[in-house]
Protein backbone atom coordinates (compact mmCIF):
# COMPACT_ATOMS: atom_id res chain seq x y z
CA MET A 1 54.64 -121.11 257.03
CA THR A 2 53.18 -122.50 253.71
CA SER A 3 55.28 -121.72 250.20
CA LEU A 4 53.42 -120.91 247.40
CA LYS A 5 55.08 -122.69 244.25
CA PRO A 6 54.88 -121.47 240.89
CA ASP A 7 52.73 -122.77 238.42
CA PHE A 8 54.18 -125.24 236.89
CA ARG A 9 52.17 -125.05 233.52
CA GLU A 10 52.80 -121.29 233.02
CA MET A 11 56.61 -121.72 232.57
CA SER A 12 58.42 -121.93 229.85
CA LEU A 13 60.34 -125.45 229.10
CA HIS A 14 63.83 -123.61 229.93
CA GLU A 15 61.99 -121.70 233.11
CA LEU A 16 60.60 -125.44 233.78
CA ARG A 17 64.21 -127.46 233.43
CA ARG A 18 65.66 -124.92 235.71
CA TYR A 19 63.25 -125.24 238.66
CA VAL A 20 63.44 -128.52 238.56
CA LEU A 21 66.90 -129.12 238.81
CA ALA A 22 67.16 -126.97 241.75
CA HIS A 23 63.85 -128.58 243.60
CA ARG A 24 65.01 -131.85 242.45
CA ASP A 25 62.27 -133.29 244.58
CA ASP A 26 59.47 -131.69 243.99
CA SER A 27 57.52 -134.36 242.51
CA GLU A 28 54.62 -132.12 241.07
CA ALA A 29 57.28 -129.90 239.02
CA TRP A 30 59.13 -133.13 237.57
CA GLN A 31 55.60 -134.58 236.63
CA GLU A 32 54.76 -130.84 234.37
CA PHE A 33 58.81 -131.50 233.02
CA THR A 34 58.05 -135.07 231.65
CA ASP A 35 54.95 -134.18 230.56
CA ARG A 36 55.70 -131.83 228.04
CA GLU A 37 56.04 -132.47 224.62
CA ARG A 38 59.64 -131.81 222.86
CA PRO A 39 59.19 -130.14 219.45
CA ASN A 40 62.92 -131.16 218.51
CA ALA A 41 62.56 -134.60 219.77
CA ILE A 42 62.92 -137.29 217.35
CA TYR A 43 60.12 -140.52 217.88
CA PHE A 44 60.57 -143.65 216.62
CA ASP A 45 58.09 -146.92 216.36
CA ALA A 46 58.24 -148.74 219.63
CA ASP A 47 58.42 -152.02 217.85
CA MET A 48 61.25 -150.66 215.62
CA PRO A 49 64.69 -152.50 215.99
CA LEU A 50 67.76 -151.07 217.86
CA ALA A 51 69.87 -151.17 214.78
CA GLU A 52 67.40 -149.56 212.80
CA GLN A 53 67.05 -146.38 215.16
CA GLN A 54 70.78 -146.61 215.14
CA VAL A 55 71.09 -146.08 211.60
CA LYS A 56 68.31 -143.60 211.64
CA LEU A 57 70.03 -141.42 213.79
CA GLN A 58 73.21 -141.56 212.03
CA GLU A 59 71.44 -140.43 209.13
CA LEU A 60 69.74 -137.54 211.04
CA LEU A 61 73.64 -136.80 212.37
CA GLU A 62 75.62 -136.43 208.87
CA ARG A 63 72.60 -134.37 207.34
CA HIS A 64 72.73 -132.00 210.27
CA ASP A 65 75.46 -129.28 209.25
CA PRO A 66 76.31 -126.75 212.95
CA THR A 67 77.73 -124.25 210.74
CA GLU A 68 74.59 -123.77 209.54
CA SER A 69 72.94 -122.97 212.35
CA ASN A 70 75.57 -119.85 212.94
CA ARG A 71 74.21 -117.90 209.49
């Protein structure tokens, strides 16, 4: 019996994440999940020293006020 896989490209990132967690050995789903862009991701140049990355991340955390997202 052949099972039909969902169209991973049509799934939202949230739906795809749930699918991957439920089907951890599905390499096709995993590949789609890892290929997706993350709109809230923060990227650093690969050659940026780790210490500088840590400073920049700390600055971002200090600027973020979690109480503002509840307004």
